[in-house]
Amino acid sequence: MSESHLPSSFRDIGNFVYESKGIVYRKILEDSYEDYSNLIASGLYDYLVESKYLVSHDEILDPSAVKSSKNIILRPEKIRFITYPYEWCFSQLKDAALLTLQICIDAIEYGMILKDATAYNIQFHNGKPILIDTCSLSKYKEGEGWMAYQQFCKHFFAPLLLMSKTDIRLNLLSKIHIDGVPLDLASRLLPMKSWASPSILAHIHMHARTQNKYAGSGDASKNKIRNISKIGMLGLLNNLKRSINKLKLSRIDTEWGDYYNFTNYSSSSASHKADTVLSMVKQSGAETILDIGSNNGQYSRVATAFGATVISADIDPIAVENNYLTVKDKKESSIIPIIQDMTNPSSSIGWAHNERGSLQDRSGFDLVMALALVHHLAISNNVPFDLIAKYLSKLGKFLIIEFVPKEDSKVVKLLSSREDIFPEYNEEYFIKSFSRFYKIINRIVIKESKRTLCLMQVKNG
């Protein structure tokens, strides 16, 4: 079996993830064999899979390692779309943090513990967070400290506190600091009143001071992970869990958070738009959809009617928050909300610019939906139609796009605060530009409006 290592899989010497013929595998090496064996023999694997906390897997024969029983290959359950912490809303990060802690607490009762607590080990699958790194669990030795404590605070607790108590947009620090938000930075950014909270004082402020005090001092003994009893370990984990459970977002009014409560559609035109979108989704036959500018996911939900998985992306963190809370409330399994600025979409970052994939790297969707978006890109951000068409054509085979004319009240509002320097912003030029990359399959004017919905297919796609 040929092995093409995934760019993100190089940090753990005991295993690696690779892809072969479009299927993802995890290879367990000798350094991880004992921990993996304990995971299976202890019953923890069965418990975590049954609880839907950990991806399931099949063990398959490795023909190249028949001489060694300590080389094992796993074929994990397929994750439909990989997302990253800096693309999550507050409640997604919070749920991922709580899952990480719960797995660690439960694992101790089986004689194991999480040795890694990176947020990148969590993905959203069937509407819920799930652990994807089978090899992040190791044998628990009572008396030893939690080696992943600092990592958990940097990847989860610090960004959650900053989003809750300082500014919701500070989760984007996770994009700059790929190994977690530095605790000294979090300490400086948190409000002064946070020093009055015992948990924040202990896990962030004093943690940061201790870390800085001994960093680079050459006195390794003082910077070691402190020993702690089992009762103390469970107390630490439960304290973090309680502290995170209490975190909430302050009421924040953002530009697009309540967009669909203030549209200019009549009930008749809104119904016609939803019916047209549904018809075009069916016509495309799409199984995977990227809905960009999805706001609260209203049309993402329309698009799931035929069983498609929808990545529901929007720039507004409150809109994505509302979308995710709806996913949770309705127990939806086919929608994955993410934060995405289409004028600056997620790029390839990390080691060698390749450790975390760009949105385009993770694309290959059957269908892209761009509803009520093009005027924001073209007018608010001065992106020409041909550049919009070219980029969208790289993301998926089919496109459902809505053209909003200058007479529309939403465009009038955009132009009210700036000079109209867009003589080519009209439907004729829009169609001409997109026809360079797409063939137009269908065009329908939405009732009681001047907006047009188009279904297009990438040329040679």
Protein backbone atom coordinates (compact mmCIF):
# COMPACT_ATOMS: atom_id res chain seq x y z
CA MET A 1 0.00 0.00 0.00
CA SER A 2 1.58 3.28 -1.12
CA GLU A 3 1.77 5.92 1.59
CA SER A 4 1.36 9.65 1.03
CA HIS A 5 1.75 11.32 4.43
CA LEU A 6 -0.75 14.04 5.14
CA PRO A 7 1.09 17.37 5.58
CA SER A 8 -0.27 17.81 9.11
CA SER A 9 0.89 14.40 10.33
CA PHE A 10 4.50 14.63 11.47
CA ARG A 11 4.52 15.64 15.14
CA ASP A 12 3.89 12.25 16.76
CA ILE A 13 6.74 9.76 16.39
CA GLY A 14 4.45 6.87 17.31
CA ASN A 15 2.06 7.05 14.37
CA PHE A 16 1.22 8.94 11.22
CA VAL A 17 -1.78 9.53 8.98
CA TYR A 18 -1.57 9.01 5.24
CA GLU A 19 -3.81 8.78 2.21
CA SER A 20 -3.94 6.08 -0.43
CA LYS A 21 -6.38 6.06 -3.34
CA GLY A 22 -8.53 8.67 -1.66
CA ILE A 23 -8.82 6.75 1.63
CA VAL A 24 -7.26 8.01 4.88
CA TYR A 25 -5.33 5.58 7.09
CA ARG A 26 -3.46 5.79 10.40
CA LYS A 27 -0.33 3.68 10.84
CA ILE A 28 0.52 2.69 14.41
CA LEU A 29 4.26 2.35 14.92
CA GLU A 30 6.13 0.50 17.67
CA ASP A 31 6.34 3.55 19.95
CA SER A 32 2.54 3.71 20.15
CA TYR A 33 1.81 -0.01 20.13
CA GLU A 34 1.52 -0.42 23.93
CA ASP A 35 -0.80 2.58 24.33
CA TYR A 36 -2.97 1.43 21.43
CA SER A 37 -3.15 -2.08 22.86
CA ASN A 38 -4.19 -0.66 26.26
CA LEU A 39 -6.86 1.48 24.57
CA ILE A 40 -8.41 -1.61 23.01
CA ALA A 41 -7.89 -4.07 25.88
CA SER A 42 -9.15 -1.71 28.60
CA GLY A 43 -12.52 -1.25 26.93
CA LEU A 44 -11.96 2.51 26.62
CA TYR A 45 -12.07 2.39 22.83
CA ASP A 46 -15.47 0.67 22.84
CA TYR A 47 -16.80 3.12 25.43
CA LEU A 48 -15.60 6.22 23.53
CA VAL A 49 -16.92 4.98 20.19
CA GLU A 50 -20.27 3.99 21.70
CA SER A 51 -20.48 7.45 23.32
CA LYS A 52 -19.63 9.02 19.92
CA TYR A 53 -16.62 10.72 21.47
CA LEU A 54 -14.02 9.02 19.24
CA VAL A 55 -14.03 8.04 15.57
CA SER A 56 -14.38 4.33 14.99
CA HIS A 57 -11.91 2.42 12.85
CA ASP A 58 -11.24 -0.89 11.17
CA GLU A 59 -7.91 -2.67 11.58
CA ILE A 60 -6.50 -3.83 8.28
CA LEU A 61 -3.54 -6.00 7.35
CA ASP A 62 -0.30 -4.23 6.51
CA PRO A 63 1.34 -6.56 3.93
CA SER A 64 4.65 -4.69 4.26
CA ALA A 65 4.89 -5.41 7.99
CA VAL A 66 3.89 -9.06 8.34
CA LYS A 67 7.06 -9.78 10.29
CA SER A 68 6.09 -7.37 13.03
CA SER A 69 2.84 -7.57 14.97
CA LYS A 70 3.59 -4.09 16.29
CA ASN A 71 2.85 -2.36 13.00
CA ILE A 72 -0.90 -1.81 12.73
CA ILE A 73 -2.90 0.10 10.13
CA LEU A 74 -6.27 1.64 10.96
CA ARG A 75 -8.90 2.81 8.51
CA PRO A 76 -10.84 5.45 10.49
CA GLU A 77 -14.42 6.46 9.97
CA LYS A 78 -14.53 9.10 7.25
CA ILE A 79 -14.75 12.75 8.33
CA ARG A 80 -16.65 14.60 5.62
CA PHE A 81 -14.88 17.96 5.90
CA ILE A 82 -11.89 19.07 7.96
CA THR A 83 -12.31 22.37 9.83
CA TYR A 84 -9.92 24.31 12.05
CA PRO A 85 -10.39 26.04 15.44
CA TYR A 86 -10.00 29.52 13.95
CA GLU A 87 -13.01 28.71 11.76
CA TRP A 88 -15.24 27.80 14.70
CA CYS A 89 -17.74 29.96 16.52
CA PHE A 90 -17.67 30.34 20.31
CA SER A 91 -20.02 27.43 21.06
CA GLN A 92 -18.16 25.10 18.71
CA LEU A 93 -14.88 25.79 20.50
CA LYS A 94 -16.63 25.47 23.87
CA ASP A 95 -18.17 22.10 22.96
CA ALA A 96 -14.81 20.88 21.62
CA ALA A 97 -13.14 21.92 24.90
CA LEU A 98 -15.77 20.19 27.04
CA LEU A 99 -15.47 17.01 24.96
CA THR A 100 -11.68 17.03 25.38
CA LEU A 101 -12.02 17.32 29.16
CA GLN A 102 -14.75 14.68 29.37
CA ILE A 103 -12.66 12.20 27.39
CA CYS A 104 -9.73 12.85 29.71
CA ILE A 105 -11.89 12.37 32.83
CA ASP A 106 -13.45 9.16 31.50
CA ALA A 107 -10.09 7.82 30.29
CA ILE A 108 -8.60 8.02 33.81
CA GLU A 109 -11.18 5.53 35.03
CA TYR A 110 -9.87 3.11 32.36
CA GLY A 111 -6.24 3.71 33.32
CA MET A 112 -5.48 6.09 30.46
CA ILE A 113 -5.26 9.83 29.84
CA LEU A 114 -5.04 12.27 26.95
CA LYS A 115 -1.40 13.05 26.24
CA ASP A 116 -2.41 15.62 23.60
CA ALA A 117 -5.07 18.30 24.02
CA THR A 118 -4.71 20.20 20.77
CA ALA A 119 -7.91 21.60 19.28
CA TYR A 120 -6.84 20.19 15.90
CA ASN A 121 -7.60 16.69 17.22
CA ILE A 122 -11.30 17.58 17.30
CA GLN A 123 -13.56 17.69 14.27
CA PHE A 124 -17.29 18.25 13.78
CA HIS A 125 -19.03 15.14 12.52
CA ASN A 126 -22.76 14.44 12.31
CA GLY A 127 -23.45 17.70 14.10
CA LYS A 128 -21.18 17.08 17.09
CA PRO A 129 -17.50 17.38 18.04
CA ILE A 130 -15.51 14.15 17.94
CA LEU A 131 -11.91 13.13 18.71
CA ILE A 132 -10.10 11.96 15.57
CA ASP A 133 -6.66 11.12 17.02
CA THR A 134 -6.83 7.53 18.27
CA CYS A 135 -3.20 7.75 19.39
CA SER A 136 -3.66 10.77 21.66
CA LEU A 137 -4.53 8.46 24.57
CA SER A 138 -1.72 6.98 26.65
CA LYS A 139 -1.30 5.04 29.89
CA TYR A 140 -2.16 7.03 33.03
CA LYS A 141 0.42 6.90 35.80
CA GLU A 142 -1.00 8.07 39.09
CA GLY A 143 1.03 10.86 40.63
CA GLU A 144 2.20 12.28 37.31
CA GLY A 145 0.92 15.67 36.15
CA TRP A 146 -1.16 16.18 33.02
CA MET A 147 1.36 16.72 30.26
CA ALA A 148 -1.30 18.34 28.02
CA TYR A 149 -2.42 20.93 30.62
CA GLN A 150 -0.60 23.90 29.11
CA GLN A 151 -1.63 22.85 25.62
CA PHE A 152 -5.29 22.68 26.66
CA CYS A 153 -5.14 26.15 28.20
CA LYS A 154 -3.54 27.61 25.06
CA HIS A 155 -5.82 25.86 22.56
CA PHE A 156 -9.12 26.07 24.44
CA PHE A 157 -9.35 27.98 27.71
CA ALA A 158 -7.44 31.11 26.67
CA PRO A 159 -9.27 31.71 23.35
CA LEU A 160 -12.65 30.97 24.95
CA LEU A 161 -11.97 33.50 27.70
CA LEU A 162 -10.85 36.11 25.19
CA MET A 163 -13.98 35.58 23.08
CA SER A 164 -16.24 35.71 26.11
CA LYS A 165 -14.67 38.54 28.08
CA THR A 166 -12.75 40.70 25.59
CA ASP A 167 -13.85 40.40 21.94
CA ILE A 168 -15.47 37.56 20.03
CA ARG A 169 -13.11 38.12 17.08
CA LEU A 170 -10.05 37.19 19.14
CA ASN A 171 -10.48 33.54 18.20
CA LEU A 172 -8.60 34.58 15.05
CA LEU A 173 -5.47 34.64 17.22
CA SER A 174 -5.51 30.86 16.79
CA LYS A 175 -4.74 31.39 13.12
CA ILE A 176 -1.63 33.42 13.98
CA HIS A 177 -0.54 31.22 16.89
CA ILE A 178 -1.02 27.78 15.40
CA ASP A 179 0.23 26.02 18.55
CA GLY A 180 -2.23 27.87 20.77
CA VAL A 181 -2.67 31.39 22.11
CA PRO A 182 0.34 32.28 24.33
CA LEU A 183 -0.81 32.49 27.94
CA ASP A 184 1.08 35.70 28.65
CA LEU A 185 -0.68 37.35 25.70
CA ALA A 186 -4.07 36.09 26.90
CA SER A 187 -3.28 37.38 30.39
CA ARG A 188 -2.56 40.88 29.06
CA LEU A 189 -5.65 40.96 26.85
CA LEU A 190 -8.12 39.83 29.50
CA PRO A 191 -9.84 42.56 31.57
CA MET A 192 -8.49 43.41 35.02
CA LYS A 193 -11.57 41.96 36.73
CA SER A 194 -10.58 38.51 35.44
CA TRP A 195 -7.86 38.47 38.12
CA ALA A 196 -10.67 38.15 40.69
CA SER A 197 -11.72 34.79 39.25
CA PRO A 198 -9.87 31.93 41.01
CA SER A 199 -9.98 29.67 37.95
CA ILE A 200 -8.76 32.33 35.51
CA LEU A 201 -6.12 33.42 38.01
CA ALA A 202 -4.81 29.86 38.35
CA HIS A 203 -5.13 28.56 34.77
CA ILE A 204 -4.16 31.72 32.86
CA HIS A 205 -2.57 34.54 34.87
CA MET A 206 -0.41 32.55 37.33
CA HIS A 207 0.14 29.81 34.76
CA ALA A 208 1.55 32.45 32.40
CA ARG A 209 3.77 33.95 35.11
CA THR A 210 5.17 30.57 36.08
CA GLN A 211 5.80 29.69 32.46
CA ASN A 212 7.60 32.96 31.78
CA LYS A 213 9.59 32.84 35.04
CA TYR A 214 11.34 29.60 34.21
CA ALA A 215 11.32 29.77 30.41
CA GLY A 216 14.89 29.78 29.19
CA SER A 217 16.24 29.81 32.76
CA GLY A 218 18.13 26.60 32.25
CA ASP A 219 16.60 25.23 35.44
CA ALA A 220 14.53 22.44 33.93
CA SER A 221 13.60 21.05 37.34
CA LYS A 222 11.50 24.11 38.17
CA ASN A 223 9.63 23.99 34.87
CA LYS A 224 8.63 20.34 35.08
CA ILE A 225 5.03 19.21 35.12
CA ARG A 226 4.07 18.97 38.76
CA ASN A 227 3.13 15.64 40.28
CA ILE A 228 -0.51 15.32 41.23
CA SER A 229 -2.67 12.57 42.74
CA LYS A 230 -5.57 10.98 40.90
CA ILE A 231 -8.04 12.91 43.06
CA GLY A 232 -6.10 16.09 42.35
CA MET A 233 -6.04 15.35 38.61
CA LEU A 234 -9.80 14.80 38.49
CA GLY A 235 -10.23 17.99 40.53
CA LEU A 236 -8.14 19.94 38.00
CA LEU A 237 -10.10 18.59 35.03
CA ASN A 238 -13.47 19.17 36.66
CA ASN A 239 -12.48 22.70 37.67
CA LEU A 240 -11.63 23.47 34.06
CA LYS A 241 -14.89 21.87 32.95
CA ARG A 242 -16.98 23.96 35.38
CA SER A 243 -15.14 27.13 34.43
CA ILE A 244 -15.71 26.57 30.71
CA ASN A 245 -19.34 25.58 31.23
CA LYS A 246 -19.96 28.97 32.83
CA LEU A 247 -18.55 30.96 29.92
CA LYS A 248 -21.07 32.83 27.77
CA LEU A 249 -21.01 35.41 25.05
CA SER A 250 -22.13 38.92 25.88
CA ARG A 251 -25.01 40.19 23.77
CA ILE A 252 -23.34 41.43 20.60
CA ASP A 253 -25.09 43.06 17.66
CA THR A 254 -23.12 42.45 14.50
CA GLU A 255 -23.80 43.62 10.98
CA TRP A 256 -25.21 40.33 9.72
CA GLY A 257 -26.25 38.50 12.89
CA ASP A 258 -29.97 39.13 12.25
CA TYR A 259 -29.79 39.51 8.47
CA TYR A 260 -32.80 37.34 7.65
CA ASN A 261 -34.99 39.28 10.07
CA PHE A 262 -34.48 42.40 7.94
CA THR A 263 -34.61 41.27 4.30
CA ASN A 264 -36.48 43.04 1.55
CA TYR A 265 -38.21 39.86 0.39
CA SER A 266 -41.97 39.53 0.61
CA SER A 267 -43.22 36.19 1.94
CA SER A 268 -44.09 35.23 -1.63
CA SER A 269 -40.65 36.05 -3.03
CA ALA A 270 -38.90 34.38 -0.09
CA SER A 271 -40.92 31.23 -0.71
CA HIS A 272 -40.17 31.36 -4.45
CA LYS A 273 -36.45 31.79 -3.75
CA ALA A 274 -36.40 28.77 -1.41
CA ASP A 275 -38.31 26.64 -3.96
CA THR A 276 -35.94 27.70 -6.75
CA VAL A 277 -32.85 26.94 -4.68
CA LEU A 278 -34.30 23.53 -3.83
CA SER A 279 -35.02 22.81 -7.50
CA MET A 280 -31.51 23.84 -8.56
CA VAL A 281 -29.89 21.73 -5.84
CA LYS A 282 -31.87 18.75 -7.08
CA GLN A 283 -30.87 19.51 -10.67
CA SER A 284 -27.19 19.58 -9.69
CA GLY A 285 -27.40 16.21 -7.94
CA ALA A 286 -24.95 17.53 -5.34
CA GLU A 287 -23.85 15.41 -2.37
CA THR A 288 -21.41 18.01 -0.98
CA ILE A 289 -22.24 21.73 -0.91
CA LEU A 290 -20.37 24.86 0.16
CA ASP A 291 -22.84 27.61 1.08
CA ILE A 292 -20.85 30.86 1.29
CA GLY A 293 -22.43 33.90 2.90
CA SER A 294 -24.88 31.50 4.54
CA ASN A 295 -25.66 33.75 7.52
CA ASN A 296 -27.78 31.66 9.94
CA GLY A 297 -27.95 28.71 7.53
CA GLN A 298 -31.50 29.24 6.27
CA TYR A 299 -30.73 28.11 2.73
CA SER A 300 -28.17 25.57 3.90
CA ARG A 301 -31.11 23.78 5.49
CA VAL A 302 -33.07 23.99 2.25
CA ALA A 303 -30.10 22.41 0.47
CA THR A 304 -30.01 19.34 2.75
CA ALA A 305 -33.41 18.13 1.52
CA PHE A 306 -31.83 15.58 -0.82
CA GLY A 307 -29.24 14.29 1.66
CA ALA A 308 -26.30 16.55 0.87
CA THR A 309 -23.68 17.58 3.41
CA VAL A 310 -23.48 21.37 3.59
CA ILE A 311 -20.51 23.43 4.78
CA SER A 312 -22.33 26.57 5.89
CA ALA A 313 -19.84 29.46 5.86
CA ASP A 314 -20.20 33.09 6.87
CA ILE A 315 -17.95 35.98 7.91
CA ASP A 316 -20.11 36.98 10.89
CA PRO A 317 -19.26 35.07 14.13
CA ILE A 318 -22.71 35.68 15.63
CA ALA A 319 -24.48 34.43 12.51
CA VAL A 320 -22.31 31.29 12.63
CA GLU A 321 -23.01 30.98 16.37
CA ASN A 322 -26.77 31.10 15.72
CA ASN A 323 -26.38 28.56 12.92
CA TYR A 324 -24.45 26.13 15.12
CA LEU A 325 -26.91 26.48 18.01
CA THR A 326 -29.69 25.58 15.58
CA VAL A 327 -27.69 22.53 14.46
CA LYS A 328 -27.45 21.48 18.11
CA ASP A 329 -31.07 22.24 18.96
CA LYS A 330 -32.48 20.38 15.95
CA LYS A 331 -29.85 17.62 16.12
CA GLU A 332 -28.93 18.21 12.48
CA SER A 333 -26.20 15.95 11.12
CA SER A 334 -25.67 17.37 7.63
CA ILE A 335 -24.66 20.98 8.31
CA ILE A 336 -21.22 22.13 9.44
CA PRO A 337 -21.14 25.87 10.20
CA ILE A 338 -17.79 27.65 9.87
CA ILE A 339 -16.50 31.23 9.96
CA GLN A 340 -15.10 32.24 6.60
CA ASP A 341 -14.24 35.63 5.12
CA MET A 342 -14.48 35.13 1.37
CA THR A 343 -12.37 38.24 0.73
CA ASN A 344 -9.64 36.56 2.78
CA PRO A 345 -10.49 32.84 2.89
CA SER A 346 -8.52 30.43 5.05
CA SER A 347 -5.07 30.01 3.56
CA SER A 348 -2.47 27.26 3.83
CA ILE A 349 -0.52 27.85 7.04
CA GLY A 350 1.79 26.05 9.43
CA TRP A 351 4.95 24.16 8.65
CA ALA A 352 6.11 24.71 5.05
CA HIS A 353 2.85 26.60 4.41
CA ASN A 354 1.14 23.25 4.22
CA GLU A 355 0.23 21.98 7.69
CA ARG A 356 -3.31 23.40 7.66
CA GLY A 357 -5.02 23.44 4.28
CA SER A 358 -6.63 26.43 2.61
CA LEU A 359 -10.33 26.48 1.87
CA GLN A 360 -9.49 25.77 -1.75
CA ASP A 361 -7.27 22.82 -0.76
CA ARG A 362 -10.26 21.31 1.06
CA SER A 363 -12.78 22.06 -1.67
CA GLY A 364 -13.83 19.91 -4.61
CA PHE A 365 -17.49 20.41 -3.73
CA ASP A 366 -20.25 19.22 -6.03
CA LEU A 367 -22.00 22.57 -5.62
CA VAL A 368 -21.21 26.07 -4.38
CA MET A 369 -24.05 28.36 -3.31
CA ALA A 370 -23.48 32.14 -3.25
CA LEU A 371 -26.80 33.74 -2.38
CA ALA A 372 -27.07 37.50 -1.76
CA LEU A 373 -23.27 37.70 -1.78
CA VAL A 374 -22.00 38.98 -5.10
CA HIS A 375 -22.91 42.64 -4.44
CA HIS A 376 -20.90 42.60 -1.20
CA LEU A 377 -17.86 41.23 -2.99
CA ALA A 378 -18.16 43.46 -6.06
CA ILE A 379 -19.23 46.74 -4.43
CA SER A 380 -18.12 46.61 -0.80
CA ASN A 381 -14.77 45.01 -1.66
CA ASN A 382 -14.19 46.08 -5.29
CA VAL A 383 -13.71 42.51 -6.56
CA PRO A 384 -14.43 42.32 -10.33
CA PHE A 385 -17.00 39.79 -11.56
CA ASP A 386 -14.42 37.80 -13.52
CA LEU A 387 -12.22 37.32 -10.44
CA ILE A 388 -15.24 36.21 -8.40
CA ALA A 389 -16.21 33.74 -11.12
CA LYS A 390 -12.66 32.41 -11.48
CA TYR A 391 -12.25 31.73 -7.76
CA LEU A 392 -15.69 30.16 -7.27
CA SER A 393 -15.05 27.87 -10.24
CA LYS A 394 -12.08 26.40 -8.34
CA LEU A 395 -14.26 25.44 -5.37
CA GLY A 396 -16.95 23.29 -6.96
CA LYS A 397 -18.47 21.85 -10.11
CA PHE A 398 -21.85 23.59 -9.99
CA LEU A 399 -22.78 27.07 -8.78
CA ILE A 400 -26.05 28.59 -7.61
CA ILE A 401 -25.54 32.34 -7.51
CA GLU A 402 -27.87 35.26 -6.92
CA PHE A 403 -27.46 38.51 -8.83
CA VAL A 404 -28.69 41.56 -6.91
CA PRO A 405 -29.15 44.64 -9.19
CA LYS A 406 -28.34 48.23 -8.33
CA GLU A 407 -32.04 49.07 -7.89
CA ASP A 408 -32.28 46.62 -4.98
CA SER A 409 -32.53 48.33 -1.60
CA LYS A 410 -29.54 46.38 -0.26
CA VAL A 411 -27.30 47.68 -3.05
CA VAL A 412 -28.73 51.18 -2.71
CA LYS A 413 -27.70 51.06 0.95
CA LEU A 414 -24.17 49.94 0.05
CA LEU A 415 -23.80 52.78 -2.44
CA SER A 416 -25.27 55.41 -0.11
CA SER A 417 -21.95 55.84 1.68
CA ARG A 418 -19.61 55.75 -1.30
CA GLU A 419 -19.24 56.89 -4.88
CA ASP A 420 -20.69 54.64 -7.54
CA ILE A 421 -17.58 53.64 -9.48
CA PHE A 422 -19.15 50.45 -10.81
CA PRO A 423 -20.49 51.11 -14.32
CA GLU A 424 -20.12 47.42 -15.19
CA TYR A 425 -22.19 46.28 -12.24
CA ASN A 426 -25.17 45.01 -14.23
CA GLU A 427 -26.64 41.64 -15.05
CA GLU A 428 -25.44 41.63 -18.64
CA TYR A 429 -21.80 42.03 -17.65
CA PHE A 430 -22.29 39.64 -14.73
CA ILE A 431 -23.45 36.89 -17.11
CA LYS A 432 -20.69 37.72 -19.61
CA SER A 433 -18.01 37.44 -16.90
CA PHE A 434 -19.29 34.20 -15.42
CA SER A 435 -19.75 32.68 -18.88
CA ARG A 436 -15.97 32.66 -19.25
CA PHE A 437 -15.80 29.94 -16.62
CA TYR A 438 -19.30 28.48 -16.52
CA LYS A 439 -22.04 27.38 -18.83
CA ILE A 440 -25.39 28.80 -17.74
CA ILE A 441 -27.91 26.02 -17.14
CA ASN A 442 -30.82 28.00 -15.73
CA ARG A 443 -31.78 31.61 -14.92
CA ILE A 444 -34.87 32.48 -12.88
CA VAL A 445 -36.04 35.90 -11.69
CA ILE A 446 -37.30 35.75 -8.10
CA LYS A 447 -40.95 36.77 -7.85
CA GLU A 448 -41.73 40.30 -6.69
CA SER A 449 -38.06 41.28 -6.95
CA LYS A 450 -35.46 42.05 -9.58
CA ARG A 451 -33.01 39.51 -8.26
CA THR A 452 -31.98 36.59 -10.44
CA LEU A 453 -30.93 33.07 -9.43
CA CYS A 454 -28.59 31.26 -11.81
CA LEU A 455 -27.53 27.62 -11.92
CA MET A 456 -24.18 27.21 -13.64
CA GLN A 457 -21.72 24.40 -14.33
CA VAL A 458 -17.96 24.82 -14.62
CA LYS A 459 -16.81 24.47 -18.20
CA ASN A 460 -15.06 21.15 -18.75
CA GLY A 461 -16.14 20.30 -15.19
